[in-house]
Amino acid sequence: MLLVFCGCGPSYNFSPYYGQQQNWQTSPGGYTKVVDGVTLYPPGQFPNRPYLIMGSVSTDNQENVAKAVHEQHADAALIYTDETYRTGTVAVAGPGVVWGVPLTGRKVNAQLIKYK
């Protein structure tokens, strides 16, 4: 018997935005990043045109945020947290030497937006 597990599902968690939309229009951002043809606005930077918030996405890298933008038919993403956290330590030993190498994880949260 052969048992195969496939990680074929989305590599991100998407939660649609429910609630009253407002006229989100802010000053232009000074810095943006483009990943796979998708504009990612870092924390504190916003587009200079009106937009609607489609929902929130949570994942482990910015490439998956860009994938979510494509799959959810959004125009861009506003990243509000991008943090690295420690998940543990691996002890590495050599002749007469022992040291620890930190293991880290990453969490990226963003709002997917659609321009008006």
Protein backbone atom coordinates (compact mmCIF):
# COMPACT_ATOMS: atom_id res chain seq x y z
CA MET A 1 0.00 0.00 0.00
CA LEU A 2 1.31 3.41 -0.94
CA LEU A 3 0.26 6.47 1.03
CA VAL A 4 1.04 9.88 -0.41
CA PHE A 5 0.37 13.25 1.22
CA CYS A 6 0.09 16.23 -1.05
CA GLY A 7 0.58 19.79 0.13
CA CYS A 8 -1.54 20.99 -2.76
CA GLY A 9 -3.64 23.53 -0.88
CA PRO A 10 -2.93 27.24 -0.80
CA SER A 11 0.27 28.30 0.94
CA TYR A 12 -1.52 31.15 2.70
CA ASN A 13 -4.61 31.83 4.82
CA PHE A 14 -7.11 34.31 3.37
CA SER A 15 -9.89 35.96 5.38
CA PRO A 16 -12.30 38.15 3.41
CA TYR A 17 -13.09 41.61 4.77
CA TYR A 18 -16.66 42.02 5.97
CA GLY A 19 -17.81 45.41 7.07
CA GLN A 20 -18.46 48.85 5.77
CA GLN A 21 -15.81 50.07 3.38
CA GLN A 22 -14.52 53.57 3.72
CA ASN A 23 -12.87 55.82 1.20
CA TRP A 24 -9.31 54.69 1.83
CA GLN A 25 -7.12 57.27 0.15
CA THR A 26 -3.79 58.24 1.60
CA SER A 27 -0.61 60.01 0.64
CA PRO A 28 1.70 58.30 -1.85
CA GLY A 29 4.17 55.72 -0.64
CA GLY A 30 7.86 56.43 -0.81
CA TYR A 31 8.87 52.81 -1.33
CA THR A 32 7.19 49.79 -2.85
CA LYS A 33 8.40 46.31 -3.68
CA VAL A 34 7.31 44.32 -6.71
CA VAL A 35 7.22 40.53 -6.33
CA ASP A 36 6.04 38.42 -9.29
CA GLY A 37 4.49 41.50 -10.89
CA VAL A 38 2.56 42.43 -7.73
CA THR A 39 3.07 45.70 -5.86
CA LEU A 40 3.66 45.16 -2.14
CA TYR A 41 3.47 48.25 0.06
CA PRO A 42 5.58 47.93 3.24
CA PRO A 43 4.24 49.01 6.65
CA GLY A 44 3.43 52.73 6.70
CA GLN A 45 3.36 53.11 2.90
CA PHE A 46 0.07 53.32 1.00
CA PRO A 47 -1.05 53.89 -2.61
CA ASN A 48 -1.96 57.42 -3.65
CA ARG A 49 -5.32 56.38 -5.09
CA PRO A 50 -8.58 55.15 -3.55
CA TYR A 51 -8.85 51.45 -2.82
CA LEU A 52 -11.07 48.84 -1.20
CA ILE A 53 -9.81 46.25 1.27
CA MET A 54 -10.66 42.76 0.00
CA GLY A 55 -9.35 40.81 2.97
CA SER A 56 -6.38 39.75 5.00
CA VAL A 57 -3.74 37.18 4.13
CA SER A 58 -1.32 35.45 6.49
CA THR A 59 1.65 33.42 5.25
CA ASP A 60 5.35 32.78 5.72
CA ASN A 61 6.89 34.82 2.85
CA GLN A 62 6.21 37.67 0.44
CA GLU A 63 6.09 35.36 -2.58
CA ASN A 64 2.98 33.72 -1.10
CA VAL A 65 1.44 37.18 -0.60
CA ALA A 66 1.98 37.84 -4.31
CA LYS A 67 0.41 34.46 -5.10
CA ALA A 68 -2.62 35.39 -2.96
CA VAL A 69 -2.98 38.70 -4.83
CA HIS A 70 -3.10 36.82 -8.16
CA GLU A 71 -5.45 34.08 -6.95
CA GLN A 72 -7.87 36.45 -5.15
CA HIS A 73 -7.90 38.90 -8.13
CA ALA A 74 -6.59 41.80 -6.07
CA ASP A 75 -4.48 44.68 -7.39
CA ALA A 76 -1.86 45.00 -4.63
CA ALA A 77 -1.09 44.18 -1.00
CA LEU A 78 -0.49 46.37 2.05
CA ILE A 79 1.92 44.53 4.33
CA TYR A 80 1.31 45.38 7.96
CA THR A 81 3.65 42.89 9.67
CA ASP A 82 6.69 41.06 8.39
CA GLU A 83 8.54 39.51 11.28
CA THR A 84 11.06 36.79 11.95
CA TYR A 85 10.74 34.84 15.18
CA ARG A 86 12.84 32.21 16.89
CA THR A 87 11.50 28.65 16.83
CA GLY A 88 14.33 26.85 18.58
CA THR A 89 18.04 26.09 18.58
CA VAL A 90 20.16 23.33 17.12
CA ALA A 91 23.32 22.39 19.01
CA VAL A 92 26.32 21.99 16.72
CA ALA A 93 29.49 20.35 18.00
CA GLY A 94 33.00 20.14 16.71
CA PRO A 95 36.22 18.92 18.29
CA GLY A 96 36.24 20.71 21.65
CA VAL A 97 33.60 23.26 20.57
CA VAL A 98 29.83 23.37 21.02
CA TRP A 99 27.60 26.20 19.85
CA GLY A 100 23.95 26.81 19.15
CA VAL A 101 22.47 27.75 15.80
CA PRO A 102 19.08 29.51 16.07
CA LEU A 103 16.14 28.22 14.04
CA THR A 104 13.77 30.93 12.82
CA GLY A 105 10.35 31.21 11.27
CA ARG A 106 8.73 34.08 9.42
CA LYS A 107 5.21 35.49 9.47
CA VAL A 108 3.88 37.99 6.93
CA ASN A 109 0.42 39.58 7.28
CA ALA A 110 -1.05 41.79 4.58
CA GLN A 111 -4.30 43.37 3.41
CA LEU A 112 -5.26 42.63 -0.19
CA ILE A 113 -6.63 45.70 -1.94
CA LYS A 114 -8.52 46.51 -5.13
CA TYR A 115 -8.22 49.98 -6.66
CA LYS A 116 -11.48 51.87 -7.18
